Amino acid sequence: MNTFGDIIGRATELPWLWAGLVAYGLATIVVIAGVMRMPHRAAGAMAAHDSYVPSEKARTWHGHEKLVLVLVSSGVALIAIALAERWVRIGHGPFVNLFELLMSQLFSLGLIFAITYWRVPAMRASAVVALPLIWVLGIWVLTLQPVDTPLPPTYHNDWLWAHVGLGKIFLSLCLIGTGLAGVILLRHSERFAPWFRHMPANEVLDGLAWRFMLLAFIFHSLMLVAGAVWAQDAWGRYWSWDALETSSFLNWLLLGMGLHARFTYRVPLRAGAVLIIAVFVFAFFTYFGTPFYSEAAHKGVI
């Protein structure tokens, strides 16, 4: 039987993983310290409509923001090296056990967040919410043993890549929406409201957050389709209502109903923010809980 020391000794990916998590942690510290020192919002940022366009000043980088982007990007690169090291060592991608799934999610969340942080200045201060959420996975992965698990025969399928990749984009977009929703809620606190004075008005952040959730809904829909095709090739059926399929479908319904309510009725801003966070929490437990208590085909037992 392999001891814990033997497992750690073989896991050449761990130093790269730890270095990537350190970079994420430093980015979290820098963004929190940075927003605490931010000036009052720039002229024009008080606009309370969805067509908000930041002023030239608002498009510029604040002192800490470039450093945050460099640190997050460095974390993404280091975790990518960790994934490559593990892939070469065990001979397959990060699809099976919880340790490697968390590793790959840390990579995809960081990558899509970094791209959005770079391209969408209006959401940058929401990193105060989003980066600590990424660190929940970081702390979790540090508690797990980097065990090697063989790739099940049903996972040798190109549609698995599409299914997993689309799901990672979906969760990353939910994270960005949740960061913006968190800012809306934090602004109702006298302690935290000054941190976000430079950001657009809540109405603008609400519209931006729901645009990301709409994109998330599209990618979730594509994920379900890709998963059904994979299931047909792997197990001879498109759908079987196993625990993970059912939970994912309920997540899709919740997000769809939330979008319908947001774009059809006057949903209060705080209620909309809570709904976005609820979708993310549901998705989090669907991804990282259901597959590991359910003896379903997704675990590769069939």
Protein backbone atom coordinates (compact mmCIF):
# COMPACT_ATOMS: atom_id res chain seq x y z
CA MET A 1 0.00 0.00 0.00
CA ASN A 2 1.26 3.43 -0.89
CA THR A 3 1.89 5.69 2.07
CA PHE A 4 1.05 9.38 2.08
CA GLY A 5 4.78 10.15 1.78
CA ASP A 6 5.06 7.92 -1.30
CA ILE A 7 2.14 9.68 -2.94
CA ILE A 8 3.55 13.12 -2.19
CA GLY A 9 6.98 12.05 -3.41
CA ARG A 10 5.60 11.02 -6.80
CA ALA A 11 3.39 14.09 -7.22
CA THR A 12 5.79 16.34 -9.13
CA GLU A 13 2.92 18.74 -9.82
CA LEU A 14 2.59 19.86 -6.19
CA PRO A 15 5.31 22.59 -6.10
CA TRP A 16 3.77 24.23 -9.18
CA LEU A 17 0.29 23.97 -7.69
CA TRP A 18 1.41 25.51 -4.40
CA ALA A 19 3.20 28.32 -6.23
CA GLY A 20 0.05 29.03 -8.27
CA LEU A 21 -2.06 29.19 -5.12
CA VAL A 22 0.43 31.59 -3.55
CA ALA A 23 0.04 33.85 -6.60
CA TYR A 24 -3.76 33.73 -6.24
CA GLY A 25 -3.43 34.50 -2.55
CA LEU A 26 -1.18 37.49 -3.17
CA ALA A 27 -3.64 38.77 -5.80
CA THR A 28 -6.43 38.53 -3.22
CA ILE A 29 -4.43 40.53 -0.66
CA VAL A 30 -3.45 43.16 -3.23
CA VAL A 31 -6.99 43.69 -4.52
CA ILE A 32 -8.46 44.04 -1.01
CA ALA A 33 -5.73 46.50 0.01
CA GLY A 34 -6.17 48.34 -3.28
CA VAL A 35 -9.92 48.90 -3.13
CA MET A 36 -9.66 50.09 0.46
CA ARG A 37 -7.49 52.95 -0.82
CA MET A 38 -9.45 53.71 -4.00
CA PRO A 39 -10.57 57.32 -4.61
CA HIS A 40 -14.18 58.37 -5.06
CA ARG A 41 -15.68 57.23 -8.34
CA ALA A 42 -14.79 59.15 -11.44
CA ALA A 43 -17.13 61.62 -13.07
CA GLY A 44 -19.72 59.85 -15.15
CA ALA A 45 -19.56 56.63 -13.14
CA MET A 46 -22.77 57.49 -11.35
CA ALA A 47 -24.76 56.64 -14.45
CA ALA A 48 -27.67 54.41 -13.54
CA HIS A 49 -28.47 52.80 -16.85
CA ASP A 50 -27.34 49.65 -18.64
CA SER A 51 -25.69 51.55 -21.47
CA TYR A 52 -23.02 52.95 -19.13
CA VAL A 53 -19.75 53.68 -20.93
CA PRO A 54 -16.79 54.44 -18.62
CA SER A 55 -15.06 57.76 -18.97
CA GLU A 56 -11.50 57.91 -20.26
CA LYS A 57 -10.29 58.13 -16.66
CA ALA A 58 -12.35 55.08 -15.69
CA ARG A 59 -10.68 53.09 -18.48
CA THR A 60 -7.22 53.70 -17.03
CA TRP A 61 -5.61 51.19 -14.71
CA HIS A 62 -5.58 52.04 -11.02
CA GLY A 63 -2.35 51.51 -9.15
CA HIS A 64 -3.01 48.00 -7.89
CA GLU A 65 -5.00 46.59 -10.81
CA LYS A 66 -2.12 45.73 -13.13
CA LEU A 67 -0.40 43.91 -10.27
CA VAL A 68 -3.59 41.93 -9.58
CA LEU A 69 -3.76 40.91 -13.25
CA VAL A 70 -0.08 39.90 -13.27
CA LEU A 71 -0.51 37.81 -10.11
CA VAL A 72 -3.68 36.06 -11.29
CA SER A 73 -2.11 35.40 -14.70
CA SER A 74 1.00 34.02 -12.99
CA GLY A 75 -1.19 31.73 -10.89
CA VAL A 76 -2.94 30.50 -14.03
CA ALA A 77 0.41 29.79 -15.73
CA LEU A 78 1.82 27.96 -12.71
CA ILE A 79 -1.27 25.79 -12.31
CA ALA A 80 -1.17 25.05 -16.05
CA ILE A 81 2.36 23.70 -15.52
CA ALA A 82 1.09 21.63 -12.58
CA LEU A 83 -1.66 20.15 -14.75
CA ALA A 84 0.84 19.36 -17.50
CA GLU A 85 3.20 17.69 -15.01
CA ARG A 86 0.37 15.54 -13.67
CA TRP A 87 -0.88 14.72 -17.16
CA VAL A 88 2.55 13.49 -18.26
CA ARG A 89 3.02 11.54 -15.04
CA ILE A 90 -0.32 9.68 -14.95
CA GLY A 91 -1.09 9.61 -18.66
CA HIS A 92 -4.50 11.26 -18.81
CA GLY A 93 -6.23 14.58 -18.32
CA PRO A 94 -7.72 15.92 -15.06
CA PHE A 95 -11.14 14.32 -15.31
CA VAL A 96 -11.53 11.67 -12.63
CA ASN A 97 -10.83 12.27 -8.95
CA LEU A 98 -11.63 15.36 -6.89
CA PHE A 99 -8.01 16.48 -6.52
CA GLU A 100 -7.40 16.81 -10.24
CA LEU A 101 -10.86 18.23 -10.91
CA LEU A 102 -10.22 21.00 -8.39
CA MET A 103 -6.82 21.66 -9.94
CA SER A 104 -8.31 22.04 -13.40
CA GLN A 105 -11.10 24.25 -12.06
CA LEU A 106 -8.56 26.52 -10.37
CA PHE A 107 -6.93 26.90 -13.77
CA SER A 108 -10.12 27.60 -15.74
CA LEU A 109 -11.64 29.96 -13.18
CA GLY A 110 -8.41 31.94 -12.98
CA LEU A 111 -7.96 32.06 -16.76
CA ILE A 112 -11.46 33.31 -17.61
CA PHE A 113 -11.48 35.69 -14.66
CA ALA A 114 -8.11 37.16 -15.74
CA ILE A 115 -9.33 37.71 -19.31
CA THR A 116 -12.50 39.41 -18.07
CA TYR A 117 -10.55 41.48 -15.54
CA TRP A 118 -8.35 42.71 -18.37
CA ARG A 119 -11.16 43.48 -20.82
CA VAL A 120 -13.98 44.75 -18.55
CA PRO A 121 -12.74 47.57 -16.28
CA ALA A 122 -16.17 48.03 -14.67
CA MET A 123 -15.93 44.68 -12.89
CA ARG A 124 -12.35 44.82 -11.58
CA ALA A 125 -13.15 45.70 -7.97
CA SER A 126 -15.50 42.69 -7.82
CA ALA A 127 -12.29 40.64 -7.50
CA VAL A 128 -12.69 41.39 -3.78
CA VAL A 129 -15.54 38.85 -3.87
CA ALA A 130 -14.45 36.54 -6.68
CA LEU A 131 -10.85 35.80 -5.68
CA PRO A 132 -11.71 34.63 -2.13
CA LEU A 133 -14.29 32.29 -3.72
CA ILE A 134 -11.55 30.82 -5.90
CA TRP A 135 -9.49 30.38 -2.75
CA VAL A 136 -12.22 28.16 -1.28
CA LEU A 137 -11.18 25.64 -3.92
CA GLY A 138 -7.53 26.40 -3.22
CA ILE A 139 -7.85 25.58 0.46
CA TRP A 140 -9.90 22.51 -0.36
CA VAL A 141 -7.35 21.08 -2.81
CA LEU A 142 -4.61 21.48 -0.19
CA THR A 143 -6.48 19.08 2.09
CA LEU A 144 -6.60 16.30 -0.53
CA GLN A 145 -4.07 13.63 -1.38
CA PRO A 146 -2.85 13.75 -5.00
CA VAL A 147 -3.81 10.13 -5.62
CA ASP A 148 -3.57 8.64 -9.12
CA THR A 149 -6.82 7.27 -10.53
CA PRO A 150 -7.01 5.32 -13.82
CA LEU A 151 -9.12 6.80 -16.59
CA PRO A 152 -12.33 4.76 -17.01
CA PRO A 153 -12.98 3.31 -20.50
CA THR A 154 -16.09 5.48 -20.88
CA TYR A 155 -13.93 8.61 -20.57
CA HIS A 156 -12.05 7.89 -23.80
CA ASN A 157 -14.40 10.08 -25.80
CA ASP A 158 -13.94 13.43 -27.55
CA TRP A 159 -17.34 14.63 -26.37
CA LEU A 160 -16.05 14.47 -22.79
CA TRP A 161 -13.71 17.34 -23.63
CA ALA A 162 -16.57 19.44 -24.97
CA HIS A 163 -18.79 18.62 -21.99
CA VAL A 164 -16.14 19.43 -19.39
CA GLY A 165 -14.85 22.52 -21.19
CA LEU A 166 -18.30 24.07 -21.61
CA GLY A 167 -19.04 23.37 -17.96
CA LYS A 168 -15.89 25.16 -16.86
CA ILE A 169 -16.81 28.23 -18.90
CA PHE A 170 -20.30 28.16 -17.38
CA LEU A 171 -18.99 28.08 -13.82
CA SER A 172 -16.43 30.81 -14.53
CA LEU A 173 -19.12 33.13 -15.90
CA CYS A 174 -21.24 32.41 -12.82
CA LEU A 175 -18.26 33.36 -10.66
CA ILE A 176 -17.93 36.72 -12.43
CA GLY A 177 -21.66 37.39 -12.05
CA THR A 178 -21.43 36.42 -8.39
CA GLY A 179 -18.56 38.85 -7.86
CA LEU A 180 -20.69 41.71 -9.21
CA ALA A 181 -23.70 40.56 -7.19
CA GLY A 182 -21.52 40.49 -4.08
CA VAL A 183 -20.52 44.12 -4.67
CA ILE A 184 -24.20 45.14 -4.89
CA LEU A 185 -24.88 43.48 -1.54
CA LEU A 186 -21.72 44.79 0.13
CA ARG A 187 -22.60 48.34 -0.86
CA HIS A 188 -25.48 48.21 1.61
CA SER A 189 -22.94 47.93 4.43
CA GLU A 190 -21.48 51.17 5.82
CA ARG A 191 -18.18 49.39 6.34
CA PHE A 192 -17.74 48.10 2.79
CA ALA A 193 -19.61 50.70 0.71
CA PRO A 194 -16.57 53.07 0.50
CA TRP A 195 -14.54 50.28 -1.16
CA PHE A 196 -16.69 50.46 -4.28
CA ARG A 197 -17.28 54.19 -4.70
CA HIS A 198 -15.29 54.25 -7.93
CA MET A 199 -17.47 51.56 -9.55
CA PRO A 200 -20.59 52.20 -11.67
CA ALA A 201 -23.97 52.46 -9.96
CA ASN A 202 -25.71 49.31 -8.76
CA GLU A 203 -28.14 49.38 -11.67
CA VAL A 204 -25.21 49.18 -14.08
CA LEU A 205 -23.54 46.38 -12.15
CA ASP A 206 -26.84 44.50 -12.05
CA GLY A 207 -27.20 44.71 -15.82
CA LEU A 208 -23.59 43.61 -16.32
CA ALA A 209 -23.94 40.71 -13.88
CA TRP A 210 -27.05 39.40 -15.64
CA ARG A 211 -25.33 39.62 -19.01
CA PHE A 212 -22.66 37.29 -17.66
CA MET A 213 -25.38 35.01 -16.29
CA LEU A 214 -27.07 34.96 -19.70
CA LEU A 215 -23.78 33.84 -21.24
CA ALA A 216 -23.52 31.25 -18.46
CA PHE A 217 -26.98 29.95 -19.37
CA ILE A 218 -25.92 29.53 -23.01
CA PHE A 219 -22.81 27.57 -22.06
CA HIS A 220 -24.76 25.48 -19.54
CA SER A 221 -27.24 24.56 -22.28
CA LEU A 222 -24.41 23.55 -24.61
CA MET A 223 -22.82 21.56 -21.78
CA LEU A 224 -26.00 19.55 -21.31
CA VAL A 225 -26.20 18.80 -25.02
CA ALA A 226 -22.54 17.73 -25.19
CA GLY A 227 -23.02 15.59 -22.09
CA ALA A 228 -26.02 13.84 -23.63
CA VAL A 229 -24.05 13.00 -26.78
CA TRP A 230 -21.15 11.72 -24.67
CA ALA A 231 -23.55 9.60 -22.60
CA GLN A 232 -25.03 8.07 -25.75
CA ASP A 233 -21.59 7.11 -27.04
CA ALA A 234 -20.32 5.91 -23.65
CA TRP A 235 -23.35 4.19 -22.09
CA GLY A 236 -25.91 3.91 -24.88
CA ARG A 237 -28.39 6.43 -23.54
CA TYR A 238 -28.72 10.21 -23.72
CA TRP A 239 -30.20 10.71 -20.27
CA SER A 240 -30.85 8.54 -17.23
CA TRP A 241 -31.83 11.03 -14.50
CA ASP A 242 -28.87 10.08 -12.32
CA ALA A 243 -28.06 12.40 -9.43
CA LEU A 244 -25.58 14.57 -11.34
CA GLU A 245 -27.77 14.89 -14.43
CA THR A 246 -30.78 15.79 -12.32
CA SER A 247 -28.86 18.32 -10.23
CA SER A 248 -27.38 19.93 -13.35
CA PHE A 249 -30.81 20.14 -14.98
CA LEU A 250 -32.27 21.76 -11.85
CA ASN A 251 -29.39 24.25 -11.94
CA TRP A 252 -30.28 25.04 -15.56
CA LEU A 253 -33.94 25.55 -14.61
CA LEU A 254 -33.02 27.83 -11.69
CA LEU A 255 -30.80 29.99 -13.89
CA GLY A 256 -33.39 30.04 -16.66
CA MET A 257 -36.14 31.13 -14.28
CA GLY A 258 -33.85 33.76 -12.80
CA LEU A 259 -33.12 35.19 -16.23
CA HIS A 260 -36.82 35.18 -17.10
CA ALA A 261 -37.68 37.00 -13.90
CA ARG A 262 -34.87 39.54 -14.35
CA PHE A 263 -35.73 40.46 -17.93
CA THR A 264 -39.53 40.28 -17.59
CA TYR A 265 -40.28 41.77 -14.18
CA ARG A 266 -38.83 44.48 -11.96
CA VAL A 267 -36.73 42.31 -9.68
CA PRO A 268 -35.22 44.37 -6.82
CA LEU A 269 -31.47 44.71 -7.11
CA ARG A 270 -30.69 42.91 -3.87
CA ALA A 271 -33.11 40.10 -4.69
CA GLY A 272 -31.46 39.70 -8.10
CA ALA A 273 -28.02 39.63 -6.50
CA VAL A 274 -29.11 36.94 -4.04
CA LEU A 275 -30.54 34.90 -6.91
CA ILE A 276 -27.25 35.07 -8.83
CA ILE A 277 -25.34 33.92 -5.76
CA ALA A 278 -27.86 31.09 -5.24
CA VAL A 279 -27.26 29.87 -8.81
CA PHE A 280 -23.50 29.87 -8.21
CA VAL A 281 -23.82 28.01 -4.90
CA PHE A 282 -26.12 25.42 -6.51
CA ALA A 283 -23.63 25.00 -9.37
CA PHE A 284 -20.74 24.67 -6.90
CA PHE A 285 -22.39 21.79 -5.06
CA THR A 286 -23.48 20.21 -8.33
CA TYR A 287 -19.91 20.17 -9.64
CA PHE A 288 -18.01 19.32 -6.49
CA GLY A 289 -20.53 17.45 -4.38
CA THR A 290 -22.93 15.35 -6.41
CA PRO A 291 -20.38 13.32 -8.45
CA PHE A 292 -18.67 12.16 -5.27
CA TYR A 293 -21.65 10.92 -3.28
CA SER A 294 -23.56 9.44 -6.22
CA GLU A 295 -22.58 6.03 -7.60
CA ALA A 296 -23.52 7.23 -11.07
CA ALA A 297 -21.91 6.65 -14.44
CA HIS A 298 -20.14 10.01 -14.15
CA LYS A 299 -17.79 8.43 -11.62
CA GLY A 300 -16.71 5.90 -14.21
CA VAL A 301 -18.08 2.93 -12.25
CA ILE A 302 -20.05 1.71 -15.26
